[in-house]
Amino acid sequence: MASKGKRLRFGFLSFRVMPAPDACNRFCFVVKKKNGNAVFRNKCRRILRSVFFKESKNFKSPFWIMAVVDMNQIDANWEALREDAGKLVVELC
C-alpha cells in the first residue's frame, strides 16, 4: 500500500489511495510518535475515523486509503484536520 497508489496531499494530511482489489473500503491512519503523545495521536485517529467511516458509503467505488498525519501537537488545529480529510472525501465521491 505504501509504495503503490495515488499520492494526495491536503494541508496536514498525506494520502495514499488505491482502488480496492476486494469489494470493501479499508482505512489506515498513521500518526507518528514524534508528532505528539498518545492522547494527541489517538485524538487524530478518532477524528479521521469518524470522517471516513461516515462518508465511505458515498464513495464511487471501494478504496484502500492510508492517511498520514503531519501535524505536531503544538500546531494542533482539529478543524483543519477535519477539513483536510473532507477534501479527500469530496474528491473520491
C-alpha atoms as a PDB file:
ATOM      1  CA  MET A   1       0.000   0.000   0.000  1.00  0.00           C
ATOM      2  CA  ALA A   2       2.727   2.468   0.940  1.00  0.00           C
ATOM      3  CA  SER A   3       4.603   2.033  -2.334  1.00  0.00           C
ATOM      4  CA  LYS A   4       1.552   1.827  -4.593  1.00  0.00           C
ATOM      5  CA  GLY A   5      -1.433   4.033  -5.170  1.00  0.00           C
ATOM      6  CA  LYS A   6      -2.053   7.662  -5.967  1.00  0.00           C
ATOM      7  CA  ARG A   7      -0.455  10.243  -3.678  1.00  0.00           C
ATOM      8  CA  LEU A   8      -2.515  13.184  -2.488  1.00  0.00           C
ATOM      9  CA  ARG A   9      -1.705  15.915  -0.006  1.00  0.00           C
ATOM     10  CA  PHE A  10      -4.109  18.288   1.731  1.00  0.00           C
ATOM     11  CA  GLY A  11      -2.711  20.515   4.490  1.00  0.00           C
ATOM     12  CA  PHE A  12      -1.702  18.358   7.455  1.00  0.00           C
ATOM     13  CA  LEU A  13      -2.539  15.053   5.727  1.00  0.00           C
ATOM     14  CA  SER A  14      -0.796  12.901   3.140  1.00  0.00           C
ATOM     15  CA  PHE A  15      -2.830  10.164   1.492  1.00  0.00           C
ATOM     16  CA  ARG A  16      -2.155   7.024  -0.498  1.00  0.00           C
ATOM     17  CA  VAL A  17      -5.280   5.941  -2.323  1.00  0.00           C
ATOM     18  CA  MET A  18      -5.730   2.884  -4.489  1.00  0.00           C
ATOM     19  CA  PRO A  19      -8.758   1.025  -5.814  1.00  0.00           C
ATOM     20  CA  ALA A  20      -9.601  -1.916  -3.582  1.00  0.00           C
ATOM     21  CA  PRO A  21      -8.785  -5.335  -5.051  1.00  0.00           C
ATOM     22  CA  ASP A  22     -11.611  -6.715  -2.925  1.00  0.00           C
ATOM     23  CA  ALA A  23     -15.041  -5.117  -2.609  1.00  0.00           C
ATOM     24  CA  CYS A  24     -14.647  -3.265   0.706  1.00  0.00           C
ATOM     25  CA  ASN A  25     -13.176   0.026   1.896  1.00  0.00           C
ATOM     26  CA  ARG A  26     -10.147  -0.146   4.162  1.00  0.00           C
ATOM     27  CA  PHE A  27      -8.569   2.723   6.058  1.00  0.00           C
ATOM     28  CA  CYS A  28      -5.183   3.040   7.717  1.00  0.00           C
ATOM     29  CA  PHE A  29      -4.372   6.072   9.877  1.00  0.00           C
ATOM     30  CA  VAL A  30      -0.710   6.757  10.693  1.00  0.00           C
ATOM     31  CA  VAL A  31       0.265   9.289  13.336  1.00  0.00           C
ATOM     32  CA  LYS A  32       3.950   9.066  14.143  1.00  0.00           C
ATOM     33  CA  LYS A  33       5.212   9.107  17.697  1.00  0.00           C
ATOM     34  CA  LYS A  34       7.251  12.250  17.053  1.00  0.00           C
ATOM     35  CA  ASN A  35       4.010  14.178  16.381  1.00  0.00           C
ATOM     36  CA  GLY A  36       2.843  14.060  19.988  1.00  0.00           C
ATOM     37  CA  ASN A  37       1.908  11.964  22.973  1.00  0.00           C
ATOM     38  CA  ALA A  38      -0.569   9.071  22.949  1.00  0.00           C
ATOM     39  CA  VAL A  39      -3.551  11.280  23.755  1.00  0.00           C
ATOM     40  CA  PHE A  40      -2.808  13.501  20.743  1.00  0.00           C
ATOM     41  CA  ARG A  41      -2.226  10.544  18.390  1.00  0.00           C
ATOM     42  CA  ASN A  42      -5.451   8.840  19.461  1.00  0.00           C
ATOM     43  CA  LYS A  43      -7.466  12.034  19.018  1.00  0.00           C
ATOM     44  CA  CYS A  44      -6.136  12.383  15.465  1.00  0.00           C
ATOM     45  CA  ARG A  45      -7.170   8.802  14.713  1.00  0.00           C
ATOM     46  CA  ARG A  46     -10.631   9.280  16.245  1.00  0.00           C
ATOM     47  CA  ILE A  47     -11.277  12.389  14.149  1.00  0.00           C
ATOM     48  CA  LEU A  48     -10.133  10.744  10.917  1.00  0.00           C
ATOM     49  CA  ARG A  49     -12.008   7.534  11.651  1.00  0.00           C
ATOM     50  CA  SER A  50     -15.277   9.397  12.170  1.00  0.00           C
ATOM     51  CA  VAL A  51     -14.909  11.359   8.913  1.00  0.00           C
ATOM     52  CA  PHE A  52     -14.009   8.382   6.751  1.00  0.00           C
ATOM     53  CA  PHE A  53     -16.477   5.859   8.147  1.00  0.00           C
ATOM     54  CA  LYS A  54     -19.320   8.374   7.917  1.00  0.00           C
ATOM     55  CA  GLU A  55     -18.590   9.264   4.284  1.00  0.00           C
ATOM     56  CA  SER A  56     -17.368   5.917   2.930  1.00  0.00           C
ATOM     57  CA  LYS A  57     -20.912   4.998   1.868  1.00  0.00           C
ATOM     58  CA  ASN A  58     -20.762   7.816  -0.706  1.00  0.00           C
ATOM     59  CA  PHE A  59     -17.595   6.638  -2.488  1.00  0.00           C
ATOM     60  CA  LYS A  60     -17.969   5.801  -6.192  1.00  0.00           C
ATOM     61  CA  SER A  61     -16.101   2.529  -5.738  1.00  0.00           C
ATOM     62  CA  PRO A  62     -14.246   0.841  -2.863  1.00  0.00           C
ATOM     63  CA  PHE A  63     -10.799   2.207  -1.956  1.00  0.00           C
ATOM     64  CA  TRP A  64      -7.883   1.407   0.268  1.00  0.00           C
ATOM     65  CA  ILE A  65      -6.755   4.637   1.917  1.00  0.00           C
ATOM     66  CA  MET A  66      -3.697   5.311   4.059  1.00  0.00           C
ATOM     67  CA  ALA A  67      -3.703   8.703   5.804  1.00  0.00           C
ATOM     68  CA  VAL A  68      -0.503  10.028   7.372  1.00  0.00           C
ATOM     69  CA  VAL A  69      -0.828  12.957   9.778  1.00  0.00           C
ATOM     70  CA  ASP A  70       1.962  15.574   9.598  1.00  0.00           C
ATOM     71  CA  MET A  71       0.737  17.800  12.427  1.00  0.00           C
ATOM     72  CA  ASN A  72       2.686  18.431  15.614  1.00  0.00           C
ATOM     73  CA  GLN A  73       0.942  18.653  18.956  1.00  0.00           C
ATOM     74  CA  ILE A  74       1.899  22.328  19.127  1.00  0.00           C
ATOM     75  CA  ASP A  75       0.207  23.051  15.764  1.00  0.00           C
ATOM     76  CA  ALA A  76      -2.975  21.137  16.652  1.00  0.00           C
ATOM     77  CA  ASN A  77      -5.922  22.539  14.743  1.00  0.00           C
ATOM     78  CA  TRP A  78      -8.704  19.966  14.807  1.00  0.00           C
ATOM     79  CA  GLU A  79     -10.990  21.825  12.407  1.00  0.00           C
ATOM     80  CA  ALA A  80      -8.205  21.984   9.811  1.00  0.00           C
ATOM     81  CA  LEU A  81      -7.664  18.236  10.196  1.00  0.00           C
ATOM     82  CA  ARG A  82     -11.395  17.588   9.587  1.00  0.00           C
ATOM     83  CA  GLU A  83     -11.393  19.922   6.570  1.00  0.00           C
ATOM     84  CA  ASP A  84      -8.338  18.249   5.031  1.00  0.00           C
ATOM     85  CA  ALA A  85      -9.935  14.817   5.414  1.00  0.00           C
ATOM     86  CA  GLY A  86     -13.178  16.216   3.961  1.00  0.00           C
ATOM     87  CA  LYS A  87     -11.327  17.439   0.861  1.00  0.00           C
ATOM     88  CA  LEU A  88     -10.219  13.902   0.081  1.00  0.00           C
ATOM     89  CA  VAL A  89     -13.728  12.573   0.650  1.00  0.00           C
ATOM     90  CA  VAL A  90     -15.118  15.138  -1.799  1.00  0.00           C
ATOM     91  CA  GLU A  91     -12.537  14.120  -4.387  1.00  0.00           C
ATOM     92  CA  LEU A  92     -13.410  10.427  -4.056  1.00  0.00           C
ATOM     93  CA  CYS A  93     -17.196  10.886  -4.189  1.00  0.00           C
END
